[in-house]
Amino acid sequence: MDQMNFKIATTYLDVNKAVVLSDDKLLACERFIELSNWIYEIEQLYQVFAFNVRHLVSEYQINRSSKVITNKNTGEKVYSIEINSVTSNIITSGACVHNIMEPFINRIYKENIIKSEKIKKLVHKQYDEDFRYRFILRLRDYIQHRDLPICVEDGKCYLDLNQICFNRTGFRLNAKINNESKYLIERMHDEKNNVARLEYYNTLLTFVYNVSKLYYTYYKEINDEVYNTQLNFNKVKYNTPGIIQTAEDGVEYYIFKTNNREGNPIRAFSTEQSLKKLYNGYKKVANIDFNAIKKIYLNEEETNKDYLLKLIREMNSNNLIIY
């Protein structure tokens, strides 16, 4: 994955004039670089996810009954392979966004346990409160190790809980998901004498909503850390003579020595790079995406009368989830 362009030495600068920083100044600079890289990398993962969602929406029409046709004005039916392909890309890239959050929190907030636990609780809360989100996140393992998850029947797409959770190969998502699925399957058979299926449209919409919400929440929560990191770096750059050099191409760089004894100890990056500017730009996109998806999601939650969805709500609200 690409990282921010924090260059390691360069022929365009006089490395012999790189300033030596005190420990506290060096820490502020390294923090600036580390947080910038984390934000940039997480944004890249989210953009992969967003690209996959846009691809699905641009290529296919999906109605509330989960009937899927191509978006080419031909009315062509959609085959299992293609819908599994685009859906698997959404699931895998969305899971990457979810899974990177805990390593980020552990690294950035390793000295701030209270803040670390607060953000982790928000991440875990989303996971714990929505069965469909949990189910789709775990479905990535099923895709990688077992089979294609989406069934297509008469043009409608769905996920068969029996097939996914209790297949004859012995593959299991995890005990919690399997117990929840068993509860739903039994209720469906007992009260409706029907096959327990997760309806494609609302299940995928729930997943997209939760990933975008997680990304949006992450930006809200790290605001103070970004502000303080930028402030501390600004103190260094304004109070350190010689930290800025102008390269042969006219571009100005911050250049200083690090404590790296194994590789090149010189660190240099353009003075145009601003953590706060980077953060504000990405946060704006996260806000726009989340509010657009939230509007669709809340409307569907209000109007959807699907029986299985009612069971899921009942299971969550009554704490019937089995661990």
C-alpha atoms as a PDB file:
ATOM      1  CA  MET A   1       0.000   0.000   0.000  1.00  0.00           C
ATOM      2  CA  ASP A   2       1.149   3.540  -0.718  1.00  0.00           C
ATOM      3  CA  GLN A   3       2.269   5.724   2.130  1.00  0.00           C
ATOM      4  CA  MET A   4       2.566   9.468   2.475  1.00  0.00           C
ATOM      5  CA  ASN A   5       5.621  10.850   0.734  1.00  0.00           C
ATOM      6  CA  PHE A   6       7.936  11.214   3.715  1.00  0.00           C
ATOM      7  CA  LYS A   7      11.175  10.892   1.815  1.00  0.00           C
ATOM      8  CA  ILE A   8      14.255   9.121   3.144  1.00  0.00           C
ATOM      9  CA  ALA A   9      17.158  11.421   2.253  1.00  0.00           C
ATOM     10  CA  THR A  10      17.346  12.848  -1.231  1.00  0.00           C
ATOM     11  CA  THR A  11      19.983  14.038  -3.673  1.00  0.00           C
ATOM     12  CA  TYR A  12      18.099  17.327  -3.946  1.00  0.00           C
ATOM     13  CA  LEU A  13      18.918  18.326  -0.354  1.00  0.00           C
ATOM     14  CA  ASP A  14      22.105  18.819   1.615  1.00  0.00           C
ATOM     15  CA  VAL A  15      21.845  16.007   4.149  1.00  0.00           C
ATOM     16  CA  ASN A  16      24.936  17.260   5.942  1.00  0.00           C
ATOM     17  CA  LYS A  17      22.912  20.293   7.031  1.00  0.00           C
ATOM     18  CA  ALA A  18      19.999  18.244   8.374  1.00  0.00           C
ATOM     19  CA  VAL A  19      19.242  19.511  11.867  1.00  0.00           C
ATOM     20  CA  VAL A  20      19.627  17.401  14.980  1.00  0.00           C
ATOM     21  CA  LEU A  21      16.502  17.651  17.113  1.00  0.00           C
ATOM     22  CA  SER A  22      16.065  17.284  20.847  1.00  0.00           C
ATOM     23  CA  ASP A  23      14.177  14.168  21.957  1.00  0.00           C
ATOM     24  CA  ASP A  24      10.885  15.989  22.476  1.00  0.00           C
ATOM     25  CA  LYS A  25      11.075  17.728  19.094  1.00  0.00           C
ATOM     26  CA  LEU A  26      11.995  14.478  17.364  1.00  0.00           C
ATOM     27  CA  LEU A  27       9.053  12.751  19.037  1.00  0.00           C
ATOM     28  CA  ALA A  28       6.678  15.467  17.773  1.00  0.00           C
ATOM     29  CA  CYS A  29       7.968  15.066  14.192  1.00  0.00           C
ATOM     30  CA  GLU A  30       7.794  11.290  14.243  1.00  0.00           C
ATOM     31  CA  ARG A  31       4.278  11.462  15.662  1.00  0.00           C
ATOM     32  CA  PHE A  32       3.282  13.781  12.829  1.00  0.00           C
ATOM     33  CA  ILE A  33       4.641  11.330  10.255  1.00  0.00           C
ATOM     34  CA  GLU A  34       3.131   8.262  11.905  1.00  0.00           C
ATOM     35  CA  LEU A  35      -0.377   9.699  12.277  1.00  0.00           C
ATOM     36  CA  SER A  36      -0.304  11.087   8.728  1.00  0.00           C
ATOM     37  CA  ASN A  37       0.590   7.656   7.383  1.00  0.00           C
ATOM     38  CA  TRP A  38      -2.139   5.929   9.386  1.00  0.00           C
ATOM     39  CA  ILE A  39      -4.807   8.368   8.198  1.00  0.00           C
ATOM     40  CA  TYR A  40      -3.649   8.056   4.607  1.00  0.00           C
ATOM     41  CA  GLU A  41      -3.581   4.244   4.697  1.00  0.00           C
ATOM     42  CA  ILE A  42      -7.028   3.931   6.302  1.00  0.00           C
ATOM     43  CA  GLU A  43      -8.423   6.350   3.741  1.00  0.00           C
ATOM     44  CA  GLN A  44      -7.013   4.197   0.930  1.00  0.00           C
ATOM     45  CA  LEU A  45      -8.719   1.108   2.346  1.00  0.00           C
ATOM     46  CA  TYR A  46     -11.998   2.986   2.607  1.00  0.00           C
ATOM     47  CA  GLN A  47     -11.705   4.242  -0.973  1.00  0.00           C
ATOM     48  CA  VAL A  48     -11.287   0.651  -2.201  1.00  0.00           C
ATOM     49  CA  PHE A  49     -14.479  -0.227  -0.340  1.00  0.00           C
ATOM     50  CA  ALA A  50     -16.297   2.846  -1.718  1.00  0.00           C
ATOM     51  CA  PHE A  51     -15.142   2.014  -5.256  1.00  0.00           C
ATOM     52  CA  ASN A  52     -16.571  -1.502  -4.963  1.00  0.00           C
ATOM     53  CA  VAL A  53     -19.913  -0.147  -3.709  1.00  0.00           C
ATOM     54  CA  ARG A  54     -20.059   2.394  -6.546  1.00  0.00           C
ATOM     55  CA  HIS A  55     -19.272  -0.369  -9.036  1.00  0.00           C
ATOM     56  CA  LEU A  56     -22.212  -2.445  -7.799  1.00  0.00           C
ATOM     57  CA  VAL A  57     -24.599   0.514  -7.958  1.00  0.00           C
ATOM     58  CA  SER A  58     -23.415   1.612 -11.403  1.00  0.00           C
ATOM     59  CA  GLU A  59     -23.656  -1.844 -12.964  1.00  0.00           C
ATOM     60  CA  TYR A  60     -26.796  -3.279 -11.353  1.00  0.00           C
ATOM     61  CA  GLN A  61     -30.285  -2.354 -10.254  1.00  0.00           C
ATOM     62  CA  ILE A  62     -31.384  -3.938  -6.976  1.00  0.00           C
ATOM     63  CA  ASN A  63     -34.953  -3.524  -5.765  1.00  0.00           C
ATOM     64  CA  ARG A  64     -36.303  -4.065  -2.267  1.00  0.00           C
ATOM     65  CA  SER A  65     -37.251  -7.649  -3.032  1.00  0.00           C
ATOM     66  CA  SER A  66     -33.551  -8.269  -3.837  1.00  0.00           C
ATOM     67  CA  LYS A  67     -34.213  -8.814  -7.523  1.00  0.00           C
ATOM     68  CA  VAL A  68     -31.087  -7.836  -9.418  1.00  0.00           C
ATOM     69  CA  ILE A  69     -30.768  -6.900 -13.085  1.00  0.00           C
ATOM     70  CA  THR A  70     -28.007  -5.216 -15.035  1.00  0.00           C
ATOM     71  CA  ASN A  71     -27.986  -1.449 -15.278  1.00  0.00           C
ATOM     72  CA  LYS A  72     -27.570  -1.433 -19.042  1.00  0.00           C
ATOM     73  CA  ASN A  73     -31.219  -0.874 -20.020  1.00  0.00           C
ATOM     74  CA  THR A  74     -31.383  -4.401 -21.385  1.00  0.00           C
ATOM     75  CA  GLY A  75     -33.153  -6.084 -18.477  1.00  0.00           C
ATOM     76  CA  GLU A  76     -30.562  -8.841 -18.496  1.00  0.00           C
ATOM     77  CA  LYS A  77     -30.718 -11.208 -15.593  1.00  0.00           C
ATOM     78  CA  VAL A  78     -27.729 -11.450 -13.323  1.00  0.00           C
ATOM     79  CA  TYR A  79     -25.875 -14.701 -12.871  1.00  0.00           C
ATOM     80  CA  SER A  80     -24.510 -16.102  -9.621  1.00  0.00           C
ATOM     81  CA  ILE A  81     -20.848 -15.711 -10.551  1.00  0.00           C
ATOM     82  CA  GLU A  82     -21.018 -11.997 -11.286  1.00  0.00           C
ATOM     83  CA  ILE A  83     -23.121 -11.014  -8.275  1.00  0.00           C
ATOM     84  CA  ASN A  84     -20.882 -13.104  -6.008  1.00  0.00           C
ATOM     85  CA  SER A  85     -17.827 -11.441  -7.511  1.00  0.00           C
ATOM     86  CA  VAL A  86     -18.914  -7.837  -6.907  1.00  0.00           C
ATOM     87  CA  THR A  87     -20.422  -8.660  -3.501  1.00  0.00           C
ATOM     88  CA  SER A  88     -17.304 -10.494  -2.332  1.00  0.00           C
ATOM     89  CA  ASN A  89     -15.222  -7.437  -3.225  1.00  0.00           C
ATOM     90  CA  ILE A  90     -17.485  -5.239  -1.084  1.00  0.00           C
ATOM     91  CA  ILE A  91     -17.373  -7.674   1.846  1.00  0.00           C
ATOM     92  CA  THR A  92     -13.593  -8.130   1.724  1.00  0.00           C
ATOM     93  CA  SER A  93     -12.756  -4.431   1.394  1.00  0.00           C
ATOM     94  CA  GLY A  94     -15.312  -3.466   4.069  1.00  0.00           C
ATOM     95  CA  ALA A  95     -13.830  -6.033   6.444  1.00  0.00           C
ATOM     96  CA  CYS A  96     -10.393  -4.485   5.857  1.00  0.00           C
ATOM     97  CA  VAL A  97     -11.720  -1.102   7.022  1.00  0.00           C
ATOM     98  CA  HIS A  98     -13.240  -2.730  10.117  1.00  0.00           C
ATOM     99  CA  ASN A  99     -10.166  -4.795  10.941  1.00  0.00           C
ATOM    100  CA  ILE A 100      -7.599  -1.988  10.693  1.00  0.00           C
ATOM    101  CA  MET A 101      -9.316   0.081  13.379  1.00  0.00           C
ATOM    102  CA  GLU A 102      -8.076  -1.887  16.383  1.00  0.00           C
ATOM    103  CA  PRO A 103      -4.374  -1.891  15.325  1.00  0.00           C
ATOM    104  CA  PHE A 104      -4.679   1.846  14.667  1.00  0.00           C
ATOM    105  CA  ILE A 105      -6.205   2.478  18.106  1.00  0.00           C
ATOM    106  CA  ASN A 106      -3.619   0.296  19.855  1.00  0.00           C
ATOM    107  CA  ARG A 107      -0.752   2.116  18.178  1.00  0.00           C
ATOM    108  CA  ILE A 108      -1.925   5.734  18.275  1.00  0.00           C
ATOM    109  CA  TYR A 109      -3.497   5.611  21.726  1.00  0.00           C
ATOM    110  CA  LYS A 110      -1.085   3.238  23.457  1.00  0.00           C
ATOM    111  CA  GLU A 111      -0.328   5.974  26.022  1.00  0.00           C
ATOM    112  CA  ASN A 112      -3.982   6.981  26.437  1.00  0.00           C
ATOM    113  CA  ILE A 113      -5.896   3.969  27.747  1.00  0.00           C
ATOM    114  CA  ILE A 114      -9.092   5.918  28.460  1.00  0.00           C
ATOM    115  CA  LYS A 115      -9.357   7.215  24.883  1.00  0.00           C
ATOM    116  CA  SER A 116      -8.320   3.857  23.490  1.00  0.00           C
ATOM    117  CA  GLU A 117     -11.060   2.035  25.391  1.00  0.00           C
ATOM    118  CA  LYS A 118     -13.653   4.634  24.415  1.00  0.00           C
ATOM    119  CA  ILE A 119     -13.020   4.173  20.682  1.00  0.00           C
ATOM    120  CA  LYS A 120     -12.832   0.390  21.003  1.00  0.00           C
ATOM    121  CA  LYS A 121     -16.213   0.379  22.725  1.00  0.00           C
ATOM    122  CA  LEU A 122     -17.714   2.305  19.814  1.00  0.00           C
ATOM    123  CA  VAL A 123     -16.255  -0.182  17.325  1.00  0.00           C
ATOM    124  CA  HIS A 124     -17.401  -3.192  19.358  1.00  0.00           C
ATOM    125  CA  LYS A 125     -20.830  -1.649  19.913  1.00  0.00           C
ATOM    126  CA  GLN A 126     -21.504  -1.585  16.177  1.00  0.00           C
ATOM    127  CA  TYR A 127     -20.371  -5.175  15.866  1.00  0.00           C
ATOM    128  CA  ASP A 128     -22.375  -6.421  18.857  1.00  0.00           C
ATOM    129  CA  GLU A 129     -25.646  -4.610  18.086  1.00  0.00           C
ATOM    130  CA  ASP A 130     -26.271  -5.734  14.505  1.00  0.00           C
ATOM    131  CA  PHE A 131     -26.410  -9.403  13.566  1.00  0.00           C
ATOM    132  CA  ARG A 132     -26.287  -8.703   9.844  1.00  0.00           C
ATOM    133  CA  TYR A 133     -23.101  -6.642  10.215  1.00  0.00           C
ATOM    134  CA  ARG A 134     -21.459  -9.389  12.274  1.00  0.00           C
ATOM    135  CA  PHE A 135     -22.624 -12.018   9.848  1.00  0.00           C
ATOM    136  CA  ILE A 136     -21.254 -10.268   6.752  1.00  0.00           C
ATOM    137  CA  LEU A 137     -17.915  -9.505   8.417  1.00  0.00           C
ATOM    138  CA  ARG A 138     -17.501 -13.187   9.265  1.00  0.00           C
ATOM    139  CA  LEU A 139     -18.676 -14.154   5.806  1.00  0.00           C
ATOM    140  CA  ARG A 140     -15.283 -13.120   4.445  1.00  0.00           C
ATOM    141  CA  ASP A 141     -13.813 -16.276   6.008  1.00  0.00           C
ATOM    142  CA  TYR A 142     -16.507 -18.351   4.315  1.00  0.00           C
ATOM    143  CA  ILE A 143     -15.663 -16.778   0.945  1.00  0.00           C
ATOM    144  CA  GLN A 144     -11.944 -17.416   1.403  1.00  0.00           C
ATOM    145  CA  HIS A 145     -12.181 -20.969   2.709  1.00  0.00           C
ATOM    146  CA  ARG A 146     -15.454 -22.513   1.600  1.00  0.00           C
ATOM    147  CA  ASP A 147     -17.834 -21.296  -1.121  1.00  0.00           C
ATOM    148  CA  LEU A 148     -19.728 -18.490  -2.832  1.00  0.00           C
ATOM    149  CA  PRO A 149     -22.216 -16.974  -0.351  1.00  0.00           C
ATOM    150  CA  ILE A 150     -24.904 -15.467  -2.600  1.00  0.00           C
ATOM    151  CA  CYS A 151     -27.662 -17.662  -4.058  1.00  0.00           C
ATOM    152  CA  VAL A 152     -29.692 -16.510  -7.061  1.00  0.00           C
ATOM    153  CA  GLU A 153     -33.189 -17.863  -7.641  1.00  0.00           C
ATOM    154  CA  ASP A 154     -35.632 -16.436 -10.189  1.00  0.00           C
ATOM    155  CA  GLY A 155     -33.510 -13.298 -10.386  1.00  0.00           C
ATOM    156  CA  LYS A 156     -33.582 -12.726  -6.624  1.00  0.00           C
ATOM    157  CA  CYS A 157     -30.484 -12.850  -4.453  1.00  0.00           C
ATOM    158  CA  TYR A 158     -30.265 -14.132  -0.900  1.00  0.00           C
ATOM    159  CA  LEU A 159     -27.986 -15.775   1.660  1.00  0.00           C
ATOM    160  CA  ASP A 160     -29.023 -19.215   2.887  1.00  0.00           C
ATOM    161  CA  LEU A 161     -28.276 -19.457   6.605  1.00  0.00           C
ATOM    162  CA  ASN A 162     -28.393 -23.260   6.626  1.00  0.00           C
ATOM    163  CA  GLN A 163     -26.009 -23.562   3.710  1.00  0.00           C
ATOM    164  CA  ILE A 164     -23.506 -21.069   5.092  1.00  0.00           C
ATOM    165  CA  CYS A 165     -23.527 -21.927   8.796  1.00  0.00           C
ATOM    166  CA  PHE A 166     -24.222 -25.651   8.799  1.00  0.00           C
ATOM    167  CA  ASN A 167     -22.631 -26.996   5.623  1.00  0.00           C
ATOM    168  CA  ARG A 168     -21.454 -30.574   5.510  1.00  0.00           C
ATOM    169  CA  THR A 169     -17.755 -29.670   5.241  1.00  0.00           C
ATOM    170  CA  GLY A 170     -17.687 -28.709   8.907  1.00  0.00           C
ATOM    171  CA  PHE A 171     -16.690 -25.099   8.196  1.00  0.00           C
ATOM    172  CA  ARG A 172     -18.060 -22.731  10.832  1.00  0.00           C
ATOM    173  CA  LEU A 173     -18.063 -18.925  10.922  1.00  0.00           C
ATOM    174  CA  ASN A 174     -17.778 -18.906  14.730  1.00  0.00           C
ATOM    175  CA  ALA A 175     -19.833 -20.233  17.640  1.00  0.00           C
ATOM    176  CA  LYS A 176     -21.623 -16.947  18.268  1.00  0.00           C
ATOM    177  CA  ILE A 177     -22.779 -16.496  14.658  1.00  0.00           C
ATOM    178  CA  ASN A 178     -23.769 -20.151  14.379  1.00  0.00           C
ATOM    179  CA  ASN A 179     -25.889 -19.990  17.548  1.00  0.00           C
ATOM    180  CA  GLU A 180     -27.577 -16.798  16.387  1.00  0.00           C
ATOM    181  CA  SER A 181     -28.255 -18.345  12.981  1.00  0.00           C
ATOM    182  CA  LYS A 182     -29.648 -21.486  14.611  1.00  0.00           C
ATOM    183  CA  TYR A 183     -32.071 -19.340  16.611  1.00  0.00           C
ATOM    184  CA  LEU A 184     -33.274 -17.567  13.460  1.00  0.00           C
ATOM    185  CA  ILE A 185     -33.535 -20.787  11.453  1.00  0.00           C
ATOM    186  CA  GLU A 186     -35.620 -22.488  14.130  1.00  0.00           C
ATOM    187  CA  ARG A 187     -37.988 -19.541  14.432  1.00  0.00           C
ATOM    188  CA  MET A 188     -38.435 -19.322  10.679  1.00  0.00           C
ATOM    189  CA  HIS A 189     -39.244 -23.012  10.394  1.00  0.00           C
ATOM    190  CA  ASP A 190     -41.522 -23.024  13.456  1.00  0.00           C
ATOM    191  CA  GLU A 191     -43.589 -19.959  12.634  1.00  0.00           C
ATOM    192  CA  LYS A 192     -43.471 -19.680   8.848  1.00  0.00           C
ATOM    193  CA  ASN A 193     -42.395 -23.123   7.704  1.00  0.00           C
ATOM    194  CA  ASN A 194     -39.969 -21.361   5.428  1.00  0.00           C
ATOM    195  CA  VAL A 195     -36.281 -21.465   4.555  1.00  0.00           C
ATOM    196  CA  ALA A 196     -34.222 -19.034   6.666  1.00  0.00           C
ATOM    197  CA  ARG A 197     -32.703 -16.620   4.204  1.00  0.00           C
ATOM    198  CA  LEU A 198     -30.994 -13.291   4.693  1.00  0.00           C
ATOM    199  CA  GLU A 199     -32.467 -11.001   2.086  1.00  0.00           C
ATOM    200  CA  TYR A 200     -29.672  -9.568  -0.068  1.00  0.00           C
ATOM    201  CA  TYR A 201     -30.668  -5.919  -0.425  1.00  0.00           C
ATOM    202  CA  ASN A 202     -31.158  -4.984   3.227  1.00  0.00           C
ATOM    203  CA  THR A 203     -28.346  -7.205   4.454  1.00  0.00           C
ATOM    204  CA  LEU A 204     -25.814  -5.606   2.135  1.00  0.00           C
ATOM    205  CA  LEU A 205     -27.217  -2.125   2.805  1.00  0.00           C
ATOM    206  CA  THR A 206     -26.763  -2.731   6.547  1.00  0.00           C
ATOM    207  CA  PHE A 207     -23.149  -3.724   5.988  1.00  0.00           C
ATOM    208  CA  VAL A 208     -22.392  -0.678   3.819  1.00  0.00           C
ATOM    209  CA  TYR A 209     -24.084   1.585   6.359  1.00  0.00           C
ATOM    210  CA  ASN A 210     -22.074   0.180   9.257  1.00  0.00           C
ATOM    211  CA  VAL A 211     -18.730   0.424   7.461  1.00  0.00           C
ATOM    212  CA  SER A 212     -19.412   4.041   6.470  1.00  0.00           C
ATOM    213  CA  LYS A 213     -20.557   4.789  10.032  1.00  0.00           C
ATOM    214  CA  LEU A 214     -17.372   3.260  11.439  1.00  0.00           C
ATOM    215  CA  TYR A 215     -15.244   5.376   9.083  1.00  0.00           C
ATOM    216  CA  TYR A 216     -17.207   8.516   9.973  1.00  0.00           C
ATOM    217  CA  THR A 217     -16.962   7.806  13.725  1.00  0.00           C
ATOM    218  CA  TYR A 218     -13.212   7.259  13.447  1.00  0.00           C
ATOM    219  CA  TYR A 219     -12.754  10.781  12.052  1.00  0.00           C
ATOM    220  CA  LYS A 220     -14.906  12.303  14.774  1.00  0.00           C
ATOM    221  CA  GLU A 221     -12.960  10.580  17.528  1.00  0.00           C
ATOM    222  CA  ILE A 222      -9.421  11.394  16.353  1.00  0.00           C
ATOM    223  CA  ASN A 223     -10.060  15.121  15.882  1.00  0.00           C
ATOM    224  CA  ASP A 224      -8.260  16.135  19.105  1.00  0.00           C
ATOM    225  CA  GLU A 225      -5.320  13.857  18.377  1.00  0.00           C
ATOM    226  CA  VAL A 226      -4.891  15.385  14.909  1.00  0.00           C
ATOM    227  CA  TYR A 227      -5.143  18.922  16.288  1.00  0.00           C
ATOM    228  CA  ASN A 228      -2.588  18.299  19.057  1.00  0.00           C
ATOM    229  CA  THR A 229      -0.188  16.476  16.753  1.00  0.00           C
ATOM    230  CA  GLN A 230      -0.292  19.302  14.218  1.00  0.00           C
ATOM    231  CA  LEU A 231       0.116  21.895  16.997  1.00  0.00           C
ATOM    232  CA  ASN A 232       3.172  20.142  18.448  1.00  0.00           C
ATOM    233  CA  PHE A 233       4.744  19.824  15.020  1.00  0.00           C
ATOM    234  CA  ASN A 234       4.095  23.503  14.299  1.00  0.00           C
ATOM    235  CA  LYS A 235       5.999  24.411  17.474  1.00  0.00           C
ATOM    236  CA  VAL A 236       8.970  22.459  16.175  1.00  0.00           C
ATOM    237  CA  LYS A 237       9.005  23.985  12.711  1.00  0.00           C
ATOM    238  CA  TYR A 238       8.595  27.565  13.981  1.00  0.00           C
ATOM    239  CA  ASN A 239      11.259  27.196  16.672  1.00  0.00           C
ATOM    240  CA  THR A 240      13.943  25.201  14.884  1.00  0.00           C
ATOM    241  CA  PRO A 241      16.283  27.241  12.664  1.00  0.00           C
ATOM    242  CA  GLY A 242      17.549  25.313   9.668  1.00  0.00           C
ATOM    243  CA  ILE A 243      14.829  22.651   9.646  1.00  0.00           C
ATOM    244  CA  ILE A 244      13.647  23.907   6.230  1.00  0.00           C
ATOM    245  CA  GLN A 245      15.771  23.519   3.095  1.00  0.00           C
ATOM    246  CA  THR A 246      14.935  24.566  -0.451  1.00  0.00           C
ATOM    247  CA  ALA A 247      15.676  21.874  -3.034  1.00  0.00           C
ATOM    248  CA  GLU A 248      17.025  22.459  -6.542  1.00  0.00           C
ATOM    249  CA  ASP A 249      13.484  22.290  -7.930  1.00  0.00           C
ATOM    250  CA  GLY A 250      12.403  25.141  -5.647  1.00  0.00           C
ATOM    251  CA  VAL A 251      10.345  22.948  -3.307  1.00  0.00           C
ATOM    252  CA  GLU A 252      10.847  23.505   0.406  1.00  0.00           C
ATOM    253  CA  TYR A 253      11.399  20.508   2.687  1.00  0.00           C
ATOM    254  CA  TYR A 254      11.574  19.850   6.379  1.00  0.00           C
ATOM    255  CA  ILE A 255      14.763  17.848   6.909  1.00  0.00           C
ATOM    256  CA  PHE A 256      16.118  16.417  10.143  1.00  0.00           C
ATOM    257  CA  LYS A 257      18.028  13.474  11.575  1.00  0.00           C
ATOM    258  CA  THR A 258      16.339  10.575  13.361  1.00  0.00           C
ATOM    259  CA  ASN A 259      17.647   7.924  15.744  1.00  0.00           C
ATOM    260  CA  ASN A 260      17.483   5.238  13.056  1.00  0.00           C
ATOM    261  CA  ARG A 261      20.830   3.453  13.244  1.00  0.00           C
ATOM    262  CA  GLU A 262      20.057   0.610  10.854  1.00  0.00           C
ATOM    263  CA  GLY A 263      18.876   2.535   7.803  1.00  0.00           C
ATOM    264  CA  ASN A 264      19.161   6.082   6.582  1.00  0.00           C
ATOM    265  CA  PRO A 265      18.677   8.436   9.555  1.00  0.00           C
ATOM    266  CA  ILE A 266      17.628  11.419   7.431  1.00  0.00           C
ATOM    267  CA  ARG A 267      13.927  12.229   7.138  1.00  0.00           C
ATOM    268  CA  ALA A 268      12.600  14.851   4.733  1.00  0.00           C
ATOM    269  CA  PHE A 269       9.158  15.843   3.473  1.00  0.00           C
ATOM    270  CA  SER A 270       7.549  18.778   1.694  1.00  0.00           C
ATOM    271  CA  THR A 271       6.470  21.786   3.737  1.00  0.00           C
ATOM    272  CA  GLU A 272       3.179  21.664   1.810  1.00  0.00           C
ATOM    273  CA  GLN A 273       2.136  18.534   3.709  1.00  0.00           C
ATOM    274  CA  SER A 274      -0.335  19.358   6.442  1.00  0.00           C
ATOM    275  CA  LEU A 275      -1.837  16.720   8.713  1.00  0.00           C
ATOM    276  CA  LYS A 276      -4.789  18.925   9.569  1.00  0.00           C
ATOM    277  CA  LYS A 277      -5.508  19.701   5.902  1.00  0.00           C
ATOM    278  CA  LEU A 278      -5.246  16.008   5.020  1.00  0.00           C
ATOM    279  CA  TYR A 279      -7.586  15.079   7.874  1.00  0.00           C
ATOM    280  CA  ASN A 280     -10.169  17.773   7.082  1.00  0.00           C
ATOM    281  CA  GLY A 281     -10.366  16.706   3.424  1.00  0.00           C
ATOM    282  CA  TYR A 282     -10.896  13.040   4.241  1.00  0.00           C
ATOM    283  CA  LYS A 283     -13.330  13.840   7.057  1.00  0.00           C
ATOM    284  CA  LYS A 284     -15.476  15.880   4.660  1.00  0.00           C
ATOM    285  CA  VAL A 285     -15.779  12.916   2.281  1.00  0.00           C
ATOM    286  CA  ALA A 286     -16.572  10.554   5.181  1.00  0.00           C
ATOM    287  CA  ASN A 287     -19.315  12.905   6.352  1.00  0.00           C
ATOM    288  CA  ILE A 288     -20.894  13.186   2.896  1.00  0.00           C
ATOM    289  CA  ASP A 289     -20.808   9.415   2.304  1.00  0.00           C
ATOM    290  CA  PHE A 290     -22.182   8.520   5.726  1.00  0.00           C
ATOM    291  CA  ASN A 291     -25.106  10.967   5.624  1.00  0.00           C
ATOM    292  CA  ALA A 292     -26.098   9.841   2.127  1.00  0.00           C
ATOM    293  CA  ILE A 293     -26.067   6.160   3.105  1.00  0.00           C
ATOM    294  CA  LYS A 294     -27.680   6.851   6.487  1.00  0.00           C
ATOM    295  CA  LYS A 295     -30.687   8.464   4.789  1.00  0.00           C
ATOM    296  CA  ILE A 296     -31.258   5.385   2.614  1.00  0.00           C
ATOM    297  CA  TYR A 297     -30.641   2.979   5.479  1.00  0.00           C
ATOM    298  CA  LEU A 298     -33.006   4.643   7.967  1.00  0.00           C
ATOM    299  CA  ASN A 299     -35.736   4.850   5.345  1.00  0.00           C
ATOM    300  CA  GLU A 300     -35.438   1.134   4.643  1.00  0.00           C
ATOM    301  CA  GLU A 301     -35.375   0.269   8.354  1.00  0.00           C
ATOM    302  CA  GLU A 302     -38.596   2.235   8.802  1.00  0.00           C
ATOM    303  CA  THR A 303     -40.481   0.739   5.870  1.00  0.00           C
ATOM    304  CA  ASN A 304     -39.153  -2.813   5.640  1.00  0.00           C
ATOM    305  CA  LYS A 305     -41.662  -5.483   6.721  1.00  0.00           C
ATOM    306  CA  ASP A 306     -39.511  -8.536   6.127  1.00  0.00           C
ATOM    307  CA  TYR A 307     -40.307 -11.259   8.674  1.00  0.00           C
ATOM    308  CA  LEU A 308     -36.701 -12.350   9.187  1.00  0.00           C
ATOM    309  CA  LEU A 309     -35.677  -8.753   9.770  1.00  0.00           C
ATOM    310  CA  LYS A 310     -38.269  -8.531  12.556  1.00  0.00           C
ATOM    311  CA  LEU A 311     -36.794 -11.656  14.145  1.00  0.00           C
ATOM    312  CA  ILE A 312     -33.318 -10.141  13.990  1.00  0.00           C
ATOM    313  CA  ARG A 313     -34.549  -6.980  15.683  1.00  0.00           C
ATOM    314  CA  GLU A 314     -36.272  -9.067  18.336  1.00  0.00           C
ATOM    315  CA  MET A 315     -33.144 -11.136  18.902  1.00  0.00           C
ATOM    316  CA  ASN A 316     -30.995  -8.023  19.339  1.00  0.00           C
ATOM    317  CA  SER A 317     -33.428  -6.004  21.456  1.00  0.00           C
ATOM    318  CA  ASN A 318     -34.175  -8.888  23.824  1.00  0.00           C
ATOM    319  CA  ASN A 319     -30.523  -9.862  24.245  1.00  0.00           C
ATOM    320  CA  LEU A 320     -31.182 -13.306  22.839  1.00  0.00           C
ATOM    321  CA  ILE A 321     -27.747 -13.398  21.235  1.00  0.00           C
ATOM    322  CA  ILE A 322     -25.920 -16.492  22.444  1.00  0.00           C
ATOM    323  CA  TYR A 323     -22.190 -16.160  23.071  1.00  0.00           C
END
